[in-house]
Amino acid sequence: MGNRIGWVCIVVALAGVLGCGCAVIVNEDSSVQGNVPGASTLSQITPGQTTVEWLLAVAGPPNSRKSVEDGTEIFRYCRTGSSEKEVGIFLLFHLDSSRRRQEAVFVETREGIVQRYWVETDDQ
């Protein structure tokens, strides 16, 4: 009987040590900076008809505006998002993951009218 109690103690102690390895750790952090017009806003733009006044009222001010010699003006809207994930099983393994996404919408205007627009994305 005493031998059996000793084995039970060993099994319980071993289970306690191995059980610590099953603690899952998850940490997630994300952030977004900037603003770009969404797909529904872009779908309402009709090149040659949509005004700069409407664009600014709906999408807000761009991050930058560049004038070209021929009278064309390029509006640049940009947004950067990042997320970091940390997953681990205590004492067994640890994994870090990070992702960065950059989006930019360019709108070409001339004489107060939108001529064209395009979207660029970069996933890292």
N, C-alpha and C. Protein backbone atom coordinates (compact mmCIF):
# COMPACT_ATOMS: atom_id res chain seq x y z
N MET A 1 0.82 -1.20 0.00
CA MET A 1 0.00 0.00 0.00
C MET A 1 0.86 1.26 0.00
N GLY A 2 1.94 1.27 0.80
CA GLY A 2 2.83 2.42 0.84
C GLY A 2 3.50 2.68 -0.49
N ASN A 3 3.82 1.58 -1.20
CA ASN A 3 4.45 1.69 -2.51
C ASN A 3 3.48 2.32 -3.51
N ARG A 4 2.21 1.98 -3.36
CA ARG A 4 1.18 2.51 -4.26
C ARG A 4 1.00 4.01 -4.05
N ILE A 5 1.03 4.48 -2.81
CA ILE A 5 0.91 5.91 -2.50
C ILE A 5 2.09 6.67 -3.09
N GLY A 6 3.28 6.10 -3.05
CA GLY A 6 4.46 6.73 -3.63
C GLY A 6 4.32 6.92 -5.14
N TRP A 7 3.78 5.89 -5.83
CA TRP A 7 3.57 6.01 -7.28
C TRP A 7 2.51 7.06 -7.60
N VAL A 8 1.47 7.11 -6.80
CA VAL A 8 0.42 8.11 -7.00
C VAL A 8 1.01 9.52 -6.86
N CYS A 9 1.85 9.72 -5.87
CA CYS A 9 2.49 11.03 -5.67
C CYS A 9 3.38 11.40 -6.85
N ILE A 10 4.11 10.43 -7.36
CA ILE A 10 4.98 10.67 -8.52
C ILE A 10 4.15 11.04 -9.75
N VAL A 11 3.07 10.29 -9.99
CA VAL A 11 2.20 10.56 -11.14
C VAL A 11 1.56 11.94 -11.02
N VAL A 12 1.09 12.29 -9.83
CA VAL A 12 0.47 13.60 -9.62
C VAL A 12 1.50 14.71 -9.83
N ALA A 13 2.69 14.53 -9.31
CA ALA A 13 3.74 15.54 -9.48
C ALA A 13 4.13 15.68 -10.95
N LEU A 14 4.26 14.57 -11.65
CA LEU A 14 4.61 14.60 -13.08
C LEU A 14 3.50 15.26 -13.89
N ALA A 15 2.25 14.96 -13.57
CA ALA A 15 1.11 15.59 -14.26
C ALA A 15 1.11 17.09 -14.02
N GLY A 16 1.46 17.51 -12.81
CA GLY A 16 1.52 18.94 -12.51
C GLY A 16 2.59 19.64 -13.32
N VAL A 17 3.76 19.02 -13.45
CA VAL A 17 4.85 19.62 -14.24
C VAL A 17 4.48 19.67 -15.71
N LEU A 18 3.95 18.58 -16.26
CA LEU A 18 3.57 18.54 -17.67
C LEU A 18 2.36 19.44 -17.94
N GLY A 19 1.47 19.56 -16.98
CA GLY A 19 0.30 20.41 -17.15
C GLY A 19 0.67 21.87 -17.32
N CYS A 20 1.78 22.30 -16.75
CA CYS A 20 2.24 23.69 -16.92
C CYS A 20 2.57 23.97 -18.37
N GLY A 21 2.99 22.97 -19.10
CA GLY A 21 3.34 23.14 -20.51
C GLY A 21 2.13 23.34 -21.39
N CYS A 22 0.94 23.18 -20.88
CA CYS A 22 -0.27 23.31 -21.67
C CYS A 22 -0.92 24.68 -21.55
N ALA A 23 -0.33 25.58 -20.79
CA ALA A 23 -0.89 26.92 -20.65
C ALA A 23 -0.66 27.69 -21.95
N VAL A 24 -1.74 28.08 -22.62
CA VAL A 24 -1.65 28.78 -23.91
C VAL A 24 -1.61 30.27 -23.65
N ILE A 25 -0.66 30.93 -24.28
CA ILE A 25 -0.51 32.37 -24.16
C ILE A 25 -0.82 32.99 -25.52
N VAL A 26 -1.76 33.93 -25.57
CA VAL A 26 -2.11 34.60 -26.81
C VAL A 26 -2.14 36.10 -26.52
N ASN A 27 -1.44 36.85 -27.35
CA ASN A 27 -1.44 38.30 -27.23
C ASN A 27 -1.56 38.87 -28.63
N GLU A 28 -2.49 39.79 -28.84
CA GLU A 28 -2.67 40.38 -30.16
C GLU A 28 -2.79 41.90 -30.02
N ASP A 29 -2.09 42.60 -30.90
CA ASP A 29 -2.10 44.06 -30.89
C ASP A 29 -2.20 44.53 -32.34
N SER A 30 -3.06 45.50 -32.60
CA SER A 30 -3.18 46.02 -33.96
C SER A 30 -3.41 47.53 -33.91
N SER A 31 -3.01 48.19 -35.00
CA SER A 31 -3.22 49.63 -35.09
C SER A 31 -3.41 50.02 -36.56
N VAL A 32 -4.13 51.10 -36.77
CA VAL A 32 -4.37 51.64 -38.11
C VAL A 32 -4.14 53.14 -38.04
N GLN A 33 -3.39 53.64 -39.01
CA GLN A 33 -3.13 55.07 -39.09
C GLN A 33 -3.48 55.55 -40.50
N GLY A 34 -4.16 56.67 -40.57
CA GLY A 34 -4.50 57.25 -41.87
C GLY A 34 -5.90 56.88 -42.29
N ASN A 35 -6.28 57.36 -43.47
CA ASN A 35 -7.63 57.16 -43.97
C ASN A 35 -7.61 57.10 -45.49
N VAL A 36 -8.30 56.12 -46.05
CA VAL A 36 -8.49 56.05 -47.50
C VAL A 36 -9.98 55.93 -47.78
N PRO A 37 -10.44 56.45 -48.91
CA PRO A 37 -11.84 56.26 -49.27
C PRO A 37 -12.12 54.78 -49.46
N GLY A 38 -13.25 54.33 -48.96
CA GLY A 38 -13.62 52.92 -49.08
C GLY A 38 -14.13 52.57 -50.47
N ALA A 39 -14.33 51.28 -50.69
CA ALA A 39 -14.78 50.79 -52.00
C ALA A 39 -16.12 51.39 -52.39
N SER A 40 -17.03 51.56 -51.42
CA SER A 40 -18.34 52.12 -51.76
C SER A 40 -18.23 53.59 -52.18
N THR A 41 -17.31 54.32 -51.56
CA THR A 41 -17.09 55.71 -51.97
C THR A 41 -16.48 55.77 -53.35
N LEU A 42 -15.47 54.93 -53.59
CA LEU A 42 -14.81 54.92 -54.89
C LEU A 42 -15.78 54.52 -56.01
N SER A 43 -16.72 53.63 -55.70
CA SER A 43 -17.67 53.20 -56.73
C SER A 43 -18.62 54.32 -57.15
N GLN A 44 -18.73 55.35 -56.33
CA GLN A 44 -19.60 56.49 -56.66
C GLN A 44 -18.90 57.55 -57.49
N ILE A 45 -17.59 57.42 -57.68
CA ILE A 45 -16.83 58.39 -58.48
C ILE A 45 -17.03 58.07 -59.96
N THR A 46 -17.44 59.07 -60.71
CA THR A 46 -17.56 58.96 -62.16
C THR A 46 -16.53 59.88 -62.78
N PRO A 47 -15.44 59.31 -63.32
CA PRO A 47 -14.41 60.15 -63.94
C PRO A 47 -15.02 61.07 -65.01
N GLY A 48 -14.58 62.32 -64.98
CA GLY A 48 -15.10 63.32 -65.91
C GLY A 48 -16.33 64.04 -65.40
N GLN A 49 -16.94 63.56 -64.28
CA GLN A 49 -18.15 64.18 -63.76
C GLN A 49 -18.05 64.54 -62.28
N THR A 50 -17.45 63.67 -61.48
CA THR A 50 -17.37 63.90 -60.03
C THR A 50 -16.47 65.10 -59.74
N THR A 51 -16.95 65.98 -58.87
CA THR A 51 -16.19 67.19 -58.55
C THR A 51 -15.24 66.97 -57.38
N VAL A 52 -14.21 67.79 -57.34
CA VAL A 52 -13.27 67.79 -56.22
C VAL A 52 -14.01 68.17 -54.95
N GLU A 53 -14.94 69.10 -55.05
CA GLU A 53 -15.73 69.52 -53.89
C GLU A 53 -16.46 68.32 -53.27
N TRP A 54 -17.08 67.48 -54.11
CA TRP A 54 -17.76 66.28 -53.61
C TRP A 54 -16.76 65.31 -52.97
N LEU A 55 -15.64 65.09 -53.66
CA LEU A 55 -14.61 64.19 -53.14
C LEU A 55 -14.15 64.61 -51.76
N LEU A 56 -13.85 65.89 -51.59
CA LEU A 56 -13.38 66.39 -50.29
C LEU A 56 -14.47 66.30 -49.22
N ALA A 57 -15.72 66.53 -49.61
CA ALA A 57 -16.83 66.44 -48.65
C ALA A 57 -17.04 65.00 -48.17
N VAL A 58 -16.86 64.05 -49.07
CA VAL A 58 -17.12 62.65 -48.73
C VAL A 58 -15.89 61.94 -48.15
N ALA A 59 -14.74 62.13 -48.78
CA ALA A 59 -13.53 61.40 -48.37
C ALA A 59 -12.66 62.18 -47.40
N GLY A 60 -12.89 63.46 -47.28
CA GLY A 60 -12.05 64.28 -46.41
C GLY A 60 -10.79 64.73 -47.12
N PRO A 61 -9.96 65.47 -46.41
CA PRO A 61 -8.73 65.97 -47.04
C PRO A 61 -7.74 64.84 -47.28
N PRO A 62 -7.01 64.89 -48.39
CA PRO A 62 -6.01 63.86 -48.65
C PRO A 62 -4.78 64.06 -47.77
N ASN A 63 -3.94 63.02 -47.69
CA ASN A 63 -2.68 63.14 -46.95
C ASN A 63 -1.72 64.08 -47.67
N SER A 64 -1.81 64.12 -49.00
CA SER A 64 -0.96 65.05 -49.76
C SER A 64 -1.65 65.40 -51.08
N ARG A 65 -1.26 66.57 -51.60
CA ARG A 65 -1.75 67.05 -52.89
C ARG A 65 -0.54 67.55 -53.66
N LYS A 66 -0.40 67.10 -54.89
CA LYS A 66 0.71 67.53 -55.75
C LYS A 66 0.15 68.11 -57.03
N SER A 67 0.66 69.28 -57.40
CA SER A 67 0.27 69.91 -58.65
C SER A 67 1.30 69.59 -59.72
N VAL A 68 0.81 69.34 -60.93
CA VAL A 68 1.66 69.07 -62.08
C VAL A 68 1.55 70.27 -63.01
N GLU A 69 2.58 70.51 -63.83
CA GLU A 69 2.63 71.69 -64.70
C GLU A 69 1.43 71.84 -65.62
N ASP A 70 0.84 70.74 -66.07
CA ASP A 70 -0.29 70.83 -67.01
C ASP A 70 -1.61 71.17 -66.33
N GLY A 71 -1.60 71.47 -65.04
CA GLY A 71 -2.82 71.82 -64.31
C GLY A 71 -3.46 70.64 -63.60
N THR A 72 -2.90 69.47 -63.78
CA THR A 72 -3.40 68.29 -63.09
C THR A 72 -2.97 68.34 -61.63
N GLU A 73 -3.84 67.87 -60.77
CA GLU A 73 -3.51 67.78 -59.35
C GLU A 73 -3.76 66.33 -58.91
N ILE A 74 -2.81 65.75 -58.17
CA ILE A 74 -2.93 64.38 -57.68
C ILE A 74 -3.16 64.43 -56.17
N PHE A 75 -4.27 63.82 -55.74
CA PHE A 75 -4.58 63.67 -54.32
C PHE A 75 -4.10 62.29 -53.91
N ARG A 76 -3.46 62.19 -52.76
CA ARG A 76 -2.99 60.89 -52.25
C ARG A 76 -3.58 60.68 -50.85
N TYR A 77 -4.38 59.63 -50.75
CA TYR A 77 -4.91 59.19 -49.46
C TYR A 77 -4.15 57.92 -49.08
N CYS A 78 -3.69 57.81 -47.84
CA CYS A 78 -2.95 56.59 -47.47
C CYS A 78 -3.31 56.14 -46.06
N ARG A 79 -3.20 54.81 -45.87
CA ARG A 79 -3.49 54.19 -44.58
C ARG A 79 -2.49 53.06 -44.38
N THR A 80 -1.98 52.96 -43.15
CA THR A 80 -1.07 51.88 -42.79
C THR A 80 -1.66 51.15 -41.60
N GLY A 81 -1.76 49.85 -41.72
CA GLY A 81 -2.25 49.02 -40.64
C GLY A 81 -1.20 47.98 -40.26
N SER A 82 -1.10 47.70 -38.99
CA SER A 82 -0.16 46.67 -38.55
C SER A 82 -0.80 45.84 -37.46
N SER A 83 -0.41 44.57 -37.43
CA SER A 83 -0.88 43.69 -36.37
C SER A 83 0.26 42.78 -35.95
N GLU A 84 0.29 42.52 -34.67
CA GLU A 84 1.30 41.62 -34.11
C GLU A 84 0.57 40.58 -33.26
N LYS A 85 0.96 39.32 -33.44
CA LYS A 85 0.36 38.23 -32.70
C LYS A 85 1.46 37.44 -32.02
N GLU A 86 1.17 37.02 -30.82
CA GLU A 86 2.10 36.21 -30.04
C GLU A 86 1.31 35.00 -29.53
N VAL A 87 1.77 33.82 -29.87
CA VAL A 87 1.11 32.59 -29.44
C VAL A 87 2.17 31.68 -28.86
N GLY A 88 1.86 31.03 -27.77
CA GLY A 88 2.82 30.12 -27.19
C GLY A 88 2.17 29.13 -26.26
N ILE A 89 2.82 28.03 -26.08
CA ILE A 89 2.45 27.06 -25.07
C ILE A 89 3.58 27.08 -24.06
N PHE A 90 3.27 27.50 -22.86
CA PHE A 90 4.24 27.75 -21.82
C PHE A 90 5.26 26.62 -21.73
N LEU A 91 6.51 26.98 -21.80
CA LEU A 91 7.66 26.08 -21.70
C LEU A 91 7.85 25.16 -22.91
N LEU A 92 6.97 25.18 -23.90
CA LEU A 92 7.13 24.28 -25.04
C LEU A 92 7.54 25.01 -26.32
N PHE A 93 6.79 26.03 -26.72
CA PHE A 93 7.18 26.81 -27.89
C PHE A 93 6.59 28.20 -27.81
N HIS A 94 7.13 29.08 -28.67
CA HIS A 94 6.70 30.48 -28.71
C HIS A 94 6.77 30.95 -30.16
N LEU A 95 5.74 31.61 -30.65
CA LEU A 95 5.68 32.06 -32.03
C LEU A 95 5.21 33.51 -32.07
N ASP A 96 5.98 34.35 -32.75
CA ASP A 96 5.60 35.75 -32.97
C ASP A 96 5.30 35.94 -34.44
N SER A 97 4.28 36.71 -34.74
CA SER A 97 3.89 36.97 -36.11
C SER A 97 3.54 38.45 -36.23
N SER A 98 4.00 39.09 -37.30
CA SER A 98 3.61 40.48 -37.52
C SER A 98 3.25 40.68 -38.98
N ARG A 99 2.33 41.58 -39.21
CA ARG A 99 1.85 41.87 -40.56
C ARG A 99 1.66 43.37 -40.69
N ARG A 100 2.04 43.88 -41.84
CA ARG A 100 1.89 45.31 -42.12
C ARG A 100 1.23 45.46 -43.48
N ARG A 101 0.26 46.32 -43.57
CA ARG A 101 -0.46 46.56 -44.83
C ARG A 101 -0.52 48.05 -45.08
N GLN A 102 -0.11 48.43 -46.27
CA GLN A 102 -0.20 49.83 -46.67
C GLN A 102 -1.16 49.92 -47.85
N GLU A 103 -2.06 50.89 -47.77
CA GLU A 103 -3.00 51.14 -48.84
C GLU A 103 -2.90 52.61 -49.24
N ALA A 104 -2.98 52.86 -50.53
CA ALA A 104 -2.98 54.23 -51.01
C ALA A 104 -4.01 54.35 -52.13
N VAL A 105 -4.75 55.44 -52.11
CA VAL A 105 -5.69 55.77 -53.18
C VAL A 105 -5.21 57.08 -53.79
N PHE A 106 -5.01 57.07 -55.09
CA PHE A 106 -4.58 58.26 -55.82
C PHE A 106 -5.75 58.74 -56.67
N VAL A 107 -6.00 60.03 -56.63
CA VAL A 107 -7.08 60.62 -57.42
C VAL A 107 -6.49 61.74 -58.25
N GLU A 108 -6.65 61.63 -59.56
CA GLU A 108 -6.14 62.65 -60.49
C GLU A 108 -7.29 63.60 -60.83
N THR A 109 -7.05 64.89 -60.65
CA THR A 109 -8.09 65.89 -60.93
C THR A 109 -7.53 66.95 -61.89
N ARG A 110 -8.44 67.56 -62.61
CA ARG A 110 -8.08 68.69 -63.48
C ARG A 110 -9.28 69.62 -63.54
N GLU A 111 -9.04 70.89 -63.29
CA GLU A 111 -10.07 71.93 -63.32
C GLU A 111 -11.27 71.58 -62.42
N GLY A 112 -10.97 71.02 -61.25
CA GLY A 112 -12.01 70.74 -60.26
C GLY A 112 -12.82 69.48 -60.52
N ILE A 113 -12.41 68.67 -61.51
CA ILE A 113 -13.14 67.44 -61.84
C ILE A 113 -12.20 66.24 -61.73
N VAL A 114 -12.70 65.16 -61.14
CA VAL A 114 -11.92 63.93 -61.04
C VAL A 114 -11.79 63.32 -62.43
N GLN A 115 -10.55 63.04 -62.83
CA GLN A 115 -10.28 62.44 -64.14
C GLN A 115 -10.15 60.92 -64.06
N ARG A 116 -9.48 60.44 -63.02
CA ARG A 116 -9.33 59.00 -62.79
C ARG A 116 -8.83 58.79 -61.37
N TYR A 117 -8.88 57.54 -60.92
CA TYR A 117 -8.33 57.18 -59.61
C TYR A 117 -7.81 55.75 -59.71
N TRP A 118 -6.92 55.40 -58.78
CA TRP A 118 -6.40 54.03 -58.70
C TRP A 118 -6.00 53.74 -57.26
N VAL A 119 -5.93 52.44 -56.96
CA VAL A 119 -5.64 51.96 -55.62
C VAL A 119 -4.37 51.12 -55.67
N GLU A 120 -3.49 51.32 -54.70
CA GLU A 120 -2.29 50.50 -54.56
C GLU A 120 -2.25 49.93 -53.16
N THR A 121 -1.90 48.64 -53.04
CA THR A 121 -1.76 48.00 -51.73
C THR A 121 -0.42 47.28 -51.67
N ASP A 122 0.10 47.18 -50.45
CA ASP A 122 1.35 46.50 -50.22
C ASP A 122 1.23 45.73 -48.90
N ASP A 123 1.23 44.41 -48.98
CA ASP A 123 1.19 43.56 -47.79
C ASP A 123 2.59 43.09 -47.46
N GLN A 124 2.97 43.23 -46.20
CA GLN A 124 4.30 42.77 -45.77
C GLN A 124 4.16 41.85 -44.59
